[in-house]
Amino acid sequence: MERAVLLYTTYPSIVEAEEAGRLIVEKRLAACVNILPGMISHYWWDGKIDRGEEVVMIIKTRASLAEAVRATVKERHSYTTPAVLVLPVESVDPAYHKWIVEETSKSSAA
């Protein structure tokens, strides 16, 4: 059984996150994306601490599609160095896992 994974990334705006999320789902690279607005980040950039208001995106997909998702995020992202973290899923409900696999099996990257 192929492993489910989550990809975590952030965007500077809800508009950019929704455009990217819609594209990822349309391409069948993920069964679902969750977009959570209203995050505040403090981080090192160019030798100083910055603060930014961001939007979190959690992408639900299969391990074999993680690199295609990462490439899609990076090619359209406005950040020079976007966060794209692949998180393994330790356990998933069998019916939910089946849904993820079915919805992403139609991907041209599969």
Protein backbone atom coordinates (compact mmCIF):
# COMPACT_ATOMS: atom_id res chain seq x y z
CA MET A 1 0.00 0.00 0.00
CA GLU A 2 1.42 3.36 -1.00
CA ARG A 3 2.10 5.76 1.82
CA ALA A 4 0.10 8.94 2.25
CA VAL A 5 2.06 12.13 2.88
CA LEU A 6 1.30 15.72 3.76
CA LEU A 7 3.18 18.61 2.22
CA TYR A 8 3.37 21.82 4.25
CA THR A 9 4.02 25.15 2.60
CA THR A 10 3.22 28.82 3.16
CA TYR A 11 2.18 31.67 0.89
CA PRO A 12 2.21 35.45 1.29
CA SER A 13 -1.49 35.81 0.41
CA ILE A 14 -4.75 33.87 0.31
CA VAL A 15 -5.06 34.68 -3.40
CA GLU A 16 -1.72 33.09 -4.27
CA ALA A 17 -2.42 30.09 -2.03
CA GLU A 18 -5.84 29.50 -3.60
CA GLU A 19 -4.46 29.75 -7.13
CA ALA A 20 -1.71 27.25 -6.32
CA GLY A 21 -4.01 24.94 -4.39
CA ARG A 22 -6.58 24.86 -7.16
CA LEU A 23 -3.88 24.04 -9.73
CA ILE A 24 -2.48 21.21 -7.59
CA VAL A 25 -5.93 19.66 -7.17
CA GLU A 26 -6.86 20.20 -10.85
CA LYS A 27 -3.68 18.39 -11.90
CA ARG A 28 -4.70 15.53 -9.55
CA LEU A 29 -1.40 15.85 -7.70
CA ALA A 30 -3.36 15.93 -4.45
CA ALA A 31 -6.78 14.81 -3.32
CA CYS A 32 -7.19 17.91 -1.17
CA VAL A 33 -5.46 21.07 -0.03
CA ASN A 34 -6.28 22.92 3.17
CA ILE A 35 -5.61 26.65 3.22
CA LEU A 36 -5.37 28.31 6.62
CA PRO A 37 -5.09 32.12 6.57
CA GLY A 38 -3.93 34.35 9.38
CA MET A 39 -0.52 32.96 10.34
CA ILE A 40 2.22 35.27 11.56
CA SER A 41 5.81 34.21 10.99
CA HIS A 42 9.08 35.44 12.47
CA TYR A 43 12.13 34.21 10.58
CA TRP A 44 15.71 34.92 9.61
CA TRP A 45 16.14 36.39 6.12
CA ASP A 46 19.09 38.30 4.69
CA GLY A 47 20.83 38.41 8.07
CA LYS A 48 17.96 39.89 10.05
CA ILE A 49 14.76 38.77 11.69
CA ASP A 50 11.67 39.49 9.59
CA ARG A 51 7.98 39.26 10.36
CA GLY A 52 5.38 38.27 7.83
CA GLU A 53 1.70 37.49 7.62
CA GLU A 54 1.29 34.25 5.73
CA VAL A 55 -1.16 31.57 4.70
CA VAL A 56 -0.49 27.90 5.45
CA MET A 57 -1.27 25.21 2.91
CA ILE A 58 -1.42 21.51 3.79
CA ILE A 59 -1.46 19.24 0.76
CA LYS A 60 -2.76 15.64 1.04
CA THR A 61 -1.28 13.23 -1.48
CA ARG A 62 0.69 10.02 -2.07
CA ALA A 63 4.42 9.65 -1.50
CA SER A 64 5.05 8.97 -5.19
CA LEU A 65 3.61 12.39 -6.09
CA ALA A 66 5.49 14.42 -3.48
CA GLU A 67 8.24 15.54 -5.87
CA ALA A 68 5.73 16.58 -8.55
CA VAL A 69 3.82 18.58 -5.92
CA ARG A 70 7.06 20.18 -4.71
CA ALA A 71 8.00 21.15 -8.28
CA THR A 72 4.55 22.64 -8.93
CA VAL A 73 4.70 24.68 -5.72
CA LYS A 74 8.20 25.98 -6.47
CA GLU A 75 7.63 26.84 -10.14
CA ARG A 76 4.70 29.17 -9.37
CA HIS A 77 5.66 30.48 -5.92
CA SER A 78 6.51 34.15 -5.40
CA TYR A 79 9.05 33.38 -2.65
CA THR A 80 12.69 32.85 -3.61
CA THR A 81 12.94 29.98 -1.12
CA PRO A 82 9.49 28.64 -0.28
CA ALA A 83 9.06 26.19 2.56
CA VAL A 84 8.05 22.83 1.12
CA LEU A 85 8.17 20.10 3.74
CA VAL A 86 7.10 16.52 3.05
CA LEU A 87 5.67 14.96 6.20
CA PRO A 88 5.14 11.20 6.38
CA VAL A 89 1.79 10.06 7.73
CA GLU A 90 2.15 7.43 10.41
CA SER A 91 -1.44 6.23 10.25
CA VAL A 92 -4.49 7.03 8.14
CA ASP A 93 -8.06 5.80 8.13
CA PRO A 94 -8.30 3.12 5.37
CA ALA A 95 -11.32 4.73 3.69
CA TYR A 96 -9.60 8.14 3.65
CA HIS A 97 -6.40 6.60 2.28
CA LYS A 98 -8.40 4.89 -0.48
CA TRP A 99 -9.96 8.25 -1.39
CA ILE A 100 -6.52 9.93 -1.61
CA VAL A 101 -5.20 7.15 -3.86
CA GLU A 102 -8.29 7.14 -6.09
CA GLU A 103 -8.34 10.90 -6.57
CA THR A 104 -4.64 11.13 -7.36
CA SER A 105 -4.40 8.02 -9.55
CA LYS A 106 -5.70 10.09 -12.48
CA SER A 107 -2.66 12.39 -12.28
CA SER A 108 -0.41 12.48 -15.33
CA ALA A 109 2.51 12.39 -12.87
CA ALA A 110 1.31 9.05 -11.39
